[in-house]
Amino acid sequence: QGRIVDALHQRLAMTYTIGHLPIPFYRFQQERQQV
């Protein structure tokens, strides 16, 4: 059935220690409507 990637990351965050760099290095483009 697959896993949504967000949920996969959340699963890792619940088990492991994830640090955070408060610097906006990543550029996330809004989703296009794709059918």
PDB file of all heavy atoms in Angstrom:
ATOM      1  N   GLN A   1       0.812  -1.214   0.000  1.00  0.00           N
ATOM      2  CA  GLN A   1       0.000   0.000   0.000  1.00  0.00           C
ATOM      3  C   GLN A   1       0.847   1.267   0.000  1.00  0.00           C
ATOM      4  O   GLN A   1       0.320   2.361  -0.091  1.00  0.00           O
ATOM      5  CB  GLN A   1      -0.936   0.005   1.226  1.00  0.00           C
ATOM      6  CG  GLN A   1      -1.909  -1.162   1.248  1.00  0.00           C
ATOM      7  CD  GLN A   1      -2.763  -1.200   0.002  1.00  0.00           C
ATOM      8  OE1 GLN A   1      -3.264  -0.182  -0.469  1.00  0.00           O
ATOM      9  NE2 GLN A   1      -2.927  -2.390  -0.560  1.00  0.00           N
ATOM     10  N   GLY A   2       2.144   1.112   0.143  1.00  0.00           N
ATOM     11  CA  GLY A   2       3.014   2.282   0.144  1.00  0.00           C
ATOM     12  C   GLY A   2       2.914   3.064   1.447  1.00  0.00           C
ATOM     13  O   GLY A   2       2.063   2.816   2.291  1.00  0.00           O
ATOM     14  N   ARG A   3       3.781   4.022   1.606  1.00  0.00           N
ATOM     15  CA  ARG A   3       3.743   4.917   2.762  1.00  0.00           C
ATOM     16  C   ARG A   3       3.954   6.334   2.259  1.00  0.00           C
ATOM     17  O   ARG A   3       4.783   6.582   1.390  1.00  0.00           O
ATOM     18  CB  ARG A   3       4.864   4.582   3.763  1.00  0.00           C
ATOM     19  CG  ARG A   3       4.630   3.353   4.578  1.00  0.00           C
ATOM     20  CD  ARG A   3       5.622   3.319   5.731  1.00  0.00           C
ATOM     21  NE  ARG A   3       6.994   3.160   5.257  1.00  0.00           N
ATOM     22  CZ  ARG A   3       7.630   2.010   5.221  1.00  0.00           C
ATOM     23  NH1 ARG A   3       7.041   0.913   5.595  1.00  0.00           N
ATOM     24  NH2 ARG A   3       8.888   1.942   4.793  1.00  0.00           N
ATOM     25  N   ILE A   4       3.207   7.261   2.790  1.00  0.00           N
ATOM     26  CA  ILE A   4       3.419   8.653   2.438  1.00  0.00           C
ATOM     27  C   ILE A   4       4.756   9.082   3.027  1.00  0.00           C
ATOM     28  O   ILE A   4       5.082   8.778   4.161  1.00  0.00           O
ATOM     29  CB  ILE A   4       2.279   9.537   2.989  1.00  0.00           C
ATOM     30  CG1 ILE A   4       0.951   9.118   2.350  1.00  0.00           C
ATOM     31  CG2 ILE A   4       2.548  11.016   2.730  1.00  0.00           C
ATOM     32  CD1 ILE A   4      -0.241   9.837   2.913  1.00  0.00           C
ATOM     33  N   VAL A   5       5.552   9.788   2.252  1.00  0.00           N
ATOM     34  CA  VAL A   5       6.902  10.141   2.679  1.00  0.00           C
ATOM     35  C   VAL A   5       6.899  10.949   3.965  1.00  0.00           C
ATOM     36  O   VAL A   5       7.742  10.760   4.827  1.00  0.00           O
ATOM     37  CB  VAL A   5       7.633  10.888   1.550  1.00  0.00           C
ATOM     38  CG1 VAL A   5       8.915  11.525   2.051  1.00  0.00           C
ATOM     39  CG2 VAL A   5       7.971   9.911   0.434  1.00  0.00           C
ATOM     40  N   ASP A   6       5.938  11.861   4.117  1.00  0.00           N
ATOM     41  CA  ASP A   6       5.858  12.623   5.359  1.00  0.00           C
ATOM     42  C   ASP A   6       5.740  11.686   6.554  1.00  0.00           C
ATOM     43  O   ASP A   6       6.388  11.884   7.586  1.00  0.00           O
ATOM     44  CB  ASP A   6       4.666  13.570   5.341  1.00  0.00           C
ATOM     45  CG  ASP A   6       4.938  14.827   4.533  1.00  0.00           C
ATOM     46  OD1 ASP A   6       5.925  14.844   3.783  1.00  0.00           O
ATOM     47  OD2 ASP A   6       4.160  15.785   4.652  1.00  0.00           O
ATOM     48  N   ALA A   7       4.905  10.668   6.431  1.00  0.00           N
ATOM     49  CA  ALA A   7       4.706   9.724   7.527  1.00  0.00           C
ATOM     50  C   ALA A   7       5.976   8.930   7.790  1.00  0.00           C
ATOM     51  O   ALA A   7       6.312   8.619   8.938  1.00  0.00           O
ATOM     52  CB  ALA A   7       3.545   8.783   7.208  1.00  0.00           C
ATOM     53  N   LEU A   8       6.709   8.608   6.730  1.00  0.00           N
ATOM     54  CA  LEU A   8       7.968   7.884   6.875  1.00  0.00           C
ATOM     55  C   LEU A   8       8.956   8.709   7.692  1.00  0.00           C
ATOM     56  O   LEU A   8       9.596   8.205   8.616  1.00  0.00           O
ATOM     57  CB  LEU A   8       8.523   7.577   5.487  1.00  0.00           C
ATOM     58  CG  LEU A   8       9.773   6.721   5.368  1.00  0.00           C
ATOM     59  CD1 LEU A   8       9.753   5.982   4.032  1.00  0.00           C
ATOM     60  CD2 LEU A   8      11.039   7.557   5.455  1.00  0.00           C
ATOM     61  N   HIS A   9       9.070   9.987   7.370  1.00  0.00           N
ATOM     62  CA  HIS A   9       9.970  10.861   8.112  1.00  0.00           C
ATOM     63  C   HIS A   9       9.507  11.007   9.563  1.00  0.00           C
ATOM     64  O   HIS A   9      10.324  11.045  10.479  1.00  0.00           O
ATOM     65  CB  HIS A   9      10.036  12.227   7.437  1.00  0.00           C
ATOM     66  CG  HIS A   9      10.845  12.239   6.179  1.00  0.00           C
ATOM     67  ND1 HIS A   9      12.220  12.302   6.161  1.00  0.00           N
ATOM     68  CD2 HIS A   9      10.469  12.189   4.878  1.00  0.00           C
ATOM     69  CE1 HIS A   9      12.655  12.297   4.917  1.00  0.00           C
ATOM     70  NE2 HIS A   9      11.614  12.226   4.116  1.00  0.00           N
ATOM     71  N   GLN A  10       8.195  11.110   9.758  1.00  0.00           N
ATOM     72  CA  GLN A  10       7.676  11.226  11.123  1.00  0.00           C
ATOM     73  C   GLN A  10       8.007   9.981  11.936  1.00  0.00           C
ATOM     74  O   GLN A  10       8.306  10.061  13.132  1.00  0.00           O
ATOM     75  CB  GLN A  10       6.174  11.460  11.075  1.00  0.00           C
ATOM     76  CG  GLN A  10       5.779  12.829  10.546  1.00  0.00           C
ATOM     77  CD  GLN A  10       4.291  12.953  10.296  1.00  0.00           C
ATOM     78  OE1 GLN A  10       3.512  12.080  10.677  1.00  0.00           O
ATOM     79  NE2 GLN A  10       3.897  14.029   9.639  1.00  0.00           N
ATOM     80  N   ARG A  11       7.941   8.840  11.272  1.00  0.00           N
ATOM     81  CA  ARG A  11       8.299   7.592  11.950  1.00  0.00           C
ATOM     82  C   ARG A  11       9.741   7.626  12.421  1.00  0.00           C
ATOM     83  O   ARG A  11      10.068   7.241  13.543  1.00  0.00           O
ATOM     84  CB  ARG A  11       8.069   6.425  10.998  1.00  0.00           C
ATOM     85  CG  ARG A  11       8.650   5.092  11.488  1.00  0.00           C
ATOM     86  CD  ARG A  11       8.520   4.044  10.402  1.00  0.00           C
ATOM     87  NE  ARG A  11       9.366   2.892  10.668  1.00  0.00           N
ATOM     88  CZ  ARG A  11       9.568   1.912   9.806  1.00  0.00           C
ATOM     89  NH1 ARG A  11       8.981   1.950   8.631  1.00  0.00           N
ATOM     90  NH2 ARG A  11      10.354   0.899  10.113  1.00  0.00           N
ATOM     91  N   LEU A  12      10.639   8.096  11.554  1.00  0.00           N
ATOM     92  CA  LEU A  12      12.045   8.187  11.939  1.00  0.00           C
ATOM     93  C   LEU A  12      12.242   9.175  13.083  1.00  0.00           C
ATOM     94  O   LEU A  12      13.017   8.932  14.005  1.00  0.00           O
ATOM     95  CB  LEU A  12      12.888   8.599  10.734  1.00  0.00           C
ATOM     96  CG  LEU A  12      13.002   7.585   9.594  1.00  0.00           C
ATOM     97  CD1 LEU A  12      13.799   8.169   8.437  1.00  0.00           C
ATOM     98  CD2 LEU A  12      13.631   6.285  10.063  1.00  0.00           C
ATOM     99  N   ALA A  13      11.527  10.297  13.011  1.00  0.00           N
ATOM    100  CA  ALA A  13      11.676  11.328  14.042  1.00  0.00           C
ATOM    101  C   ALA A  13      11.200  10.842  15.401  1.00  0.00           C
ATOM    102  O   ALA A  13      11.665  11.319  16.444  1.00  0.00           O
ATOM    103  CB  ALA A  13      10.907  12.581  13.628  1.00  0.00           C
ATOM    104  N   MET A  14      10.262   9.894  15.423  1.00  0.00           N
ATOM    105  CA  MET A  14       9.762   9.355  16.691  1.00  0.00           C
ATOM    106  C   MET A  14      10.771   8.426  17.342  1.00  0.00           C
ATOM    107  O   MET A  14      10.773   8.239  18.554  1.00  0.00           O
ATOM    108  CB  MET A  14       8.440   8.609  16.462  1.00  0.00           C
ATOM    109  CG  MET A  14       7.274   9.508  16.095  1.00  0.00           C
ATOM    110  SD  MET A  14       5.768   8.557  15.752  1.00  0.00           S
ATOM    111  CE  MET A  14       5.516   7.740  17.340  1.00  0.00           C
ATOM    112  N   THR A  15      11.642   7.837  16.524  1.00  0.00           N
ATOM    113  CA  THR A  15      12.591   6.834  17.025  1.00  0.00           C
ATOM    114  C   THR A  15      13.995   7.396  17.210  1.00  0.00           C
ATOM    115  O   THR A  15      14.722   6.981  18.111  1.00  0.00           O
ATOM    116  CB  THR A  15      12.650   5.639  16.058  1.00  0.00           C
ATOM    117  OG1 THR A  15      11.321   5.162  15.818  1.00  0.00           O
ATOM    118  CG2 THR A  15      13.504   4.518  16.618  1.00  0.00           C
ATOM    119  N   TYR A  16      14.365   8.365  16.362  1.00  0.00           N
ATOM    120  CA  TYR A  16      15.733   8.867  16.340  1.00  0.00           C
ATOM    121  C   TYR A  16      15.779  10.358  16.649  1.00  0.00           C
ATOM    122  O   TYR A  16      14.774  11.065  16.555  1.00  0.00           O
ATOM    123  CB  TYR A  16      16.362   8.610  14.962  1.00  0.00           C
ATOM    124  CG  TYR A  16      16.446   7.144  14.612  1.00  0.00           C
ATOM    125  CD1 TYR A  16      15.453   6.537  13.840  1.00  0.00           C
ATOM    126  CD2 TYR A  16      17.506   6.365  15.058  1.00  0.00           C
ATOM    127  CE1 TYR A  16      15.530   5.187  13.523  1.00  0.00           C
ATOM    128  CE2 TYR A  16      17.592   5.017  14.749  1.00  0.00           C
ATOM    129  CZ  TYR A  16      16.596   4.432  13.977  1.00  0.00           C
ATOM    130  OH  TYR A  16      16.675   3.095  13.677  1.00  0.00           O
ATOM    131  N   THR A  17      16.965  10.802  17.007  1.00  0.00           N
ATOM    132  CA  THR A  17      17.172  12.215  17.309  1.00  0.00           C
ATOM    133  C   THR A  17      17.494  12.964  16.021  1.00  0.00           C
ATOM    134  O   THR A  17      18.466  12.661  15.340  1.00  0.00           O
ATOM    135  CB  THR A  17      18.332  12.392  18.303  1.00  0.00           C
ATOM    136  OG1 THR A  17      18.051  11.658  19.491  1.00  0.00           O
ATOM    137  CG2 THR A  17      18.520  13.865  18.643  1.00  0.00           C
ATOM    138  N   ILE A  18      16.637  13.938  15.691  1.00  0.00           N
ATOM    139  CA  ILE A  18      16.812  14.728  14.477  1.00  0.00           C
ATOM    140  C   ILE A  18      17.151  16.163  14.871  1.00  0.00           C
ATOM    141  O   ILE A  18      16.386  16.822  15.583  1.00  0.00           O
ATOM    142  CB  ILE A  18      15.538  14.730  13.607  1.00  0.00           C
ATOM    143  CG1 ILE A  18      15.074  13.291  13.338  1.00  0.00           C
ATOM    144  CG2 ILE A  18      15.789  15.484  12.306  1.00  0.00           C
ATOM    145  CD1 ILE A  18      16.067  12.447  12.582  1.00  0.00           C
ATOM    146  N   GLY A  19      18.322  16.641  14.445  1.00  0.00           N
ATOM    147  CA  GLY A  19      18.709  18.015  14.726  1.00  0.00           C
ATOM    148  C   GLY A  19      18.010  18.980  13.782  1.00  0.00           C
ATOM    149  O   GLY A  19      17.288  18.577  12.863  1.00  0.00           O
ATOM    150  N   HIS A  20      18.234  20.259  14.001  1.00  0.00           N
ATOM    151  CA  HIS A  20      17.566  21.268  13.157  1.00  0.00           C
ATOM    152  C   HIS A  20      18.477  22.469  12.949  1.00  0.00           C
ATOM    153  O   HIS A  20      19.001  23.044  13.907  1.00  0.00           O
ATOM    154  CB  HIS A  20      16.264  21.725  13.809  1.00  0.00           C
ATOM    155  CG  HIS A  20      15.580  22.824  13.060  1.00  0.00           C
ATOM    156  ND1 HIS A  20      15.202  24.013  13.657  1.00  0.00           N
ATOM    157  CD2 HIS A  20      15.214  22.927  11.752  1.00  0.00           C
ATOM    158  CE1 HIS A  20      14.646  24.795  12.753  1.00  0.00           C
ATOM    159  NE2 HIS A  20      14.627  24.167  11.601  1.00  0.00           N
ATOM    160  N   LEU A  21      18.664  22.819  11.675  1.00  0.00           N
ATOM    161  CA  LEU A  21      19.389  24.037  11.308  1.00  0.00           C
ATOM    162  C   LEU A  21      18.363  25.072  10.858  1.00  0.00           C
ATOM    163  O   LEU A  21      17.731  24.904   9.812  1.00  0.00           O
ATOM    164  CB  LEU A  21      20.355  23.755  10.146  1.00  0.00           C
ATOM    165  CG  LEU A  21      21.696  23.114  10.491  1.00  0.00           C
ATOM    166  CD1 LEU A  21      22.384  22.635   9.221  1.00  0.00           C
ATOM    167  CD2 LEU A  21      22.577  24.096  11.232  1.00  0.00           C
ATOM    168  N   PRO A  22      18.152  26.135  11.625  1.00  0.00           N
ATOM    169  CA  PRO A  22      17.129  27.134  11.277  1.00  0.00           C
ATOM    170  C   PRO A  22      17.584  28.089  10.175  1.00  0.00           C
ATOM    171  O   PRO A  22      17.585  29.308  10.331  1.00  0.00           O
ATOM    172  CB  PRO A  22      16.903  27.861  12.604  1.00  0.00           C
ATOM    173  CG  PRO A  22      18.235  27.792  13.277  1.00  0.00           C
ATOM    174  CD  PRO A  22      18.806  26.441  12.921  1.00  0.00           C
ATOM    175  N   ILE A  23      17.998  27.506   9.055  1.00  0.00           N
ATOM    176  CA  ILE A  23      18.451  28.270   7.897  1.00  0.00           C
ATOM    177  C   ILE A  23      17.643  27.775   6.693  1.00  0.00           C
ATOM    178  O   ILE A  23      17.575  26.567   6.454  1.00  0.00           O
ATOM    179  CB  ILE A  23      19.956  28.073   7.628  1.00  0.00           C
ATOM    180  CG1 ILE A  23      20.781  28.377   8.890  1.00  0.00           C
ATOM    181  CG2 ILE A  23      20.415  28.935   6.463  1.00  0.00           C
ATOM    182  CD1 ILE A  23      22.260  28.075   8.739  1.00  0.00           C
ATOM    183  N   PRO A  24      17.038  28.673   5.906  1.00  0.00           N
ATOM    184  CA  PRO A  24      16.193  28.235   4.778  1.00  0.00           C
ATOM    185  C   PRO A  24      17.013  27.844   3.554  1.00  0.00           C
ATOM    186  O   PRO A  24      17.029  28.545   2.542  1.00  0.00           O
ATOM    187  CB  PRO A  24      15.316  29.469   4.518  1.00  0.00           C
ATOM    188  CG  PRO A  24      16.183  30.626   4.909  1.00  0.00           C
ATOM    189  CD  PRO A  24      16.975  30.141   6.106  1.00  0.00           C
ATOM    190  N   PHE A  25      17.649  26.685   3.635  1.00  0.00           N
ATOM    191  CA  PHE A  25      18.479  26.203   2.541  1.00  0.00           C
ATOM    192  C   PHE A  25      17.662  25.572   1.411  1.00  0.00           C
ATOM    193  O   PHE A  25      18.092  25.553   0.269  1.00  0.00           O
ATOM    194  CB  PHE A  25      19.467  25.150   3.048  1.00  0.00           C
ATOM    195  CG  PHE A  25      20.686  25.714   3.722  1.00  0.00           C
ATOM    196  CD1 PHE A  25      21.044  25.309   5.003  1.00  0.00           C
ATOM    197  CD2 PHE A  25      21.508  26.618   3.065  1.00  0.00           C
ATOM    198  CE1 PHE A  25      22.182  25.803   5.614  1.00  0.00           C
ATOM    199  CE2 PHE A  25      22.646  27.113   3.664  1.00  0.00           C
ATOM    200  CZ  PHE A  25      22.987  26.713   4.938  1.00  0.00           C
ATOM    201  N   TYR A  26      16.504  24.997   1.753  1.00  0.00           N
ATOM    202  CA  TYR A  26      15.728  24.225   0.781  1.00  0.00           C
ATOM    203  C   TYR A  26      14.686  25.116   0.112  1.00  0.00           C
ATOM    204  O   TYR A  26      14.150  26.034   0.739  1.00  0.00           O
ATOM    205  CB  TYR A  26      15.030  23.058   1.487  1.00  0.00           C
ATOM    206  CG  TYR A  26      14.514  21.957   0.584  1.00  0.00           C
ATOM    207  CD1 TYR A  26      15.364  20.958   0.129  1.00  0.00           C
ATOM    208  CD2 TYR A  26      13.172  21.907   0.206  1.00  0.00           C
ATOM    209  CE1 TYR A  26      14.893  19.929  -0.681  1.00  0.00           C
ATOM    210  CE2 TYR A  26      12.701  20.892  -0.606  1.00  0.00           C
ATOM    211  CZ  TYR A  26      13.556  19.905  -1.043  1.00  0.00           C
ATOM    212  OH  TYR A  26      13.085  18.896  -1.859  1.00  0.00           O
ATOM    213  N   ARG A  27      14.411  24.845  -1.165  1.00  0.00           N
ATOM    214  CA  ARG A  27      13.387  25.578  -1.913  1.00  0.00           C
ATOM    215  C   ARG A  27      12.313  24.592  -2.344  1.00  0.00           C
ATOM    216  O   ARG A  27      12.552  23.701  -3.148  1.00  0.00           O
ATOM    217  CB  ARG A  27      13.999  26.250  -3.151  1.00  0.00           C
ATOM    218  CG  ARG A  27      15.129  27.230  -2.828  1.00  0.00           C
ATOM    219  CD  ARG A  27      14.599  28.470  -2.093  1.00  0.00           C
ATOM    220  NE  ARG A  27      15.616  29.480  -1.928  1.00  0.00           N
ATOM    221  CZ  ARG A  27      16.370  29.630  -0.846  1.00  0.00           C
ATOM    222  NH1 ARG A  27      16.224  28.795   0.176  1.00  0.00           N
ATOM    223  NH2 ARG A  27      17.266  30.598  -0.769  1.00  0.00           N
ATOM    224  N   PHE A  28      11.116  24.768  -1.792  1.00  0.00           N
ATOM    225  CA  PHE A  28      10.005  23.845  -2.030  1.00  0.00           C
ATOM    226  C   PHE A  28       8.986  24.499  -2.954  1.00  0.00           C
ATOM    227  O   PHE A  28       8.381  25.516  -2.599  1.00  0.00           O
ATOM    228  CB  PHE A  28       9.344  23.471  -0.695  1.00  0.00           C
ATOM    229  CG  PHE A  28       8.205  22.498  -0.817  1.00  0.00           C
ATOM    230  CD1 PHE A  28       8.425  21.133  -0.702  1.00  0.00           C
ATOM    231  CD2 PHE A  28       6.906  22.946  -1.032  1.00  0.00           C
ATOM    232  CE1 PHE A  28       7.377  20.239  -0.808  1.00  0.00           C
ATOM    233  CE2 PHE A  28       5.856  22.055  -1.143  1.00  0.00           C
ATOM    234  CZ  PHE A  28       6.089  20.697  -1.023  1.00  0.00           C
ATOM    235  N   GLN A  29       8.802  23.924  -4.123  1.00  0.00           N
ATOM    236  CA  GLN A  29       7.846  24.496  -5.075  1.00  0.00           C
ATOM    237  C   GLN A  29       6.445  23.961  -4.815  1.00  0.00           C
ATOM    238  O   GLN A  29       6.257  22.782  -4.554  1.00  0.00           O
ATOM    239  CB  GLN A  29       8.250  24.155  -6.514  1.00  0.00           C
ATOM    240  CG  GLN A  29       7.345  24.778  -7.560  1.00  0.00           C
ATOM    241  CD  GLN A  29       7.967  24.739  -8.920  1.00  0.00           C
ATOM    242  OE1 GLN A  29       8.800  25.566  -9.266  1.00  0.00           O
ATOM    243  NE2 GLN A  29       7.591  23.759  -9.708  1.00  0.00           N
ATOM    244  N   GLN A  30       5.467  24.841  -4.912  1.00  0.00           N
ATOM    245  CA  GLN A  30       4.086  24.437  -4.701  1.00  0.00           C
ATOM    246  C   GLN A  30       3.703  23.321  -5.660  1.00  0.00           C
ATOM    247  O   GLN A  30       4.139  23.300  -6.812  1.00  0.00           O
ATOM    248  CB  GLN A  30       3.141  25.624  -4.916  1.00  0.00           C
ATOM    249  CG  GLN A  30       3.239  26.690  -3.856  1.00  0.00           C
ATOM    250  CD  GLN A  30       2.133  27.693  -3.990  1.00  0.00           C
ATOM    251  OE1 GLN A  30       1.232  27.751  -3.178  1.00  0.00           O
ATOM    252  NE2 GLN A  30       2.195  28.514  -5.028  1.00  0.00           N
ATOM    253  N   GLU A  31       2.837  22.428  -5.174  1.00  0.00           N
ATOM    254  CA  GLU A  31       2.394  21.315  -6.000  1.00  0.00           C
ATOM    255  C   GLU A  31       1.599  21.810  -7.195  1.00  0.00           C
ATOM    256  O   GLU A  31       0.766  22.708  -7.075  1.00  0.00           O
ATOM    257  CB  GLU A  31       1.523  20.358  -5.177  1.00  0.00           C
ATOM    258  CG  GLU A  31       2.261  19.646  -4.063  1.00  0.00           C
ATOM    259  CD  GLU A  31       3.176  18.567  -4.581  1.00  0.00           C
ATOM    260  OE1 GLU A  31       3.084  18.240  -5.774  1.00  0.00           O
ATOM    261  OE2 GLU A  31       3.986  18.061  -3.788  1.00  0.00           O
ATOM    262  N   ARG A  32       1.891  21.209  -8.360  1.00  0.00           N
ATOM    263  CA  ARG A  32       1.059  21.458  -9.522  1.00  0.00           C
ATOM    264  C   ARG A  32      -0.076  20.444  -9.525  1.00  0.00           C
ATOM    265  O   ARG A  32       0.053  19.341  -9.016  1.00  0.00           O
ATOM    266  CB  ARG A  32       1.871  21.292 -10.819  1.00  0.00           C
ATOM    267  CG  ARG A  32       2.970  22.310 -10.979  1.00  0.00           C
ATOM    268  CD  ARG A  32       3.649  22.110 -12.320  1.00  0.00           C
ATOM    269  NE  ARG A  32       4.299  20.802 -12.397  1.00  0.00           N
ATOM    270  CZ  ARG A  32       4.685  20.220 -13.525  1.00  0.00           C
ATOM    271  NH1 ARG A  32       4.462  20.806 -14.673  1.00  0.00           N
ATOM    272  NH2 ARG A  32       5.288  19.062 -13.506  1.00  0.00           N
ATOM    273  N   GLN A  33      -1.204  20.815 -10.121  1.00  0.00           N
ATOM    274  CA  GLN A  33      -2.285  19.862 -10.287  1.00  0.00           C
ATOM    275  C   GLN A  33      -1.884  18.894 -11.394  1.00  0.00           C
ATOM    276  O   GLN A  33      -1.700  19.277 -12.534  1.00  0.00           O
ATOM    277  CB  GLN A  33      -3.587  20.593 -10.669  1.00  0.00           C
ATOM    278  CG  GLN A  33      -4.126  21.471  -9.565  1.00  0.00           C
ATOM    279  CD  GLN A  33      -4.488  20.680  -8.335  1.00  0.00           C
ATOM    280  OE1 GLN A  33      -5.013  19.576  -8.425  1.00  0.00           O
ATOM    281  NE2 GLN A  33      -4.204  21.231  -7.159  1.00  0.00           N
ATOM    282  N   GLN A  34      -1.702  17.646 -11.033  1.00  0.00           N
ATOM    283  CA  GLN A  34      -1.211  16.675 -12.002  1.00  0.00           C
ATOM    284  C   GLN A  34      -2.098  15.449 -11.967  1.00  0.00           C
ATOM    285  O   GLN A  34      -2.161  14.743 -10.979  1.00  0.00           O
ATOM    286  CB  GLN A  34       0.232  16.276 -11.687  1.00  0.00           C
ATOM    287  CG  GLN A  34       0.796  15.254 -12.665  1.00  0.00           C
ATOM    288  CD  GLN A  34       2.179  14.817 -12.255  1.00  0.00           C
ATOM    289  OE1 GLN A  34       2.490  14.729 -11.080  1.00  0.00           O
ATOM    290  NE2 GLN A  34       3.020  14.521 -13.217  1.00  0.00           N
ATOM    291  N   VAL A  35      -2.841  15.211 -13.047  1.00  0.00           N
ATOM    292  CA  VAL A  35      -3.672  14.030 -13.148  1.00  0.00           C
ATOM    293  C   VAL A  35      -3.311  13.331 -14.452  1.00  0.00           C
ATOM    294  O   VAL A  35      -3.651  13.783 -15.534  1.00  0.00           O
ATOM    295  CB  VAL A  35      -5.173  14.375 -13.141  1.00  0.00           C
ATOM    296  CG1 VAL A  35      -6.000  13.105 -13.250  1.00  0.00           C
ATOM    297  CG2 VAL A  35      -5.537  15.151 -11.889  1.00  0.00           C
TER     298      VAL A  35
END
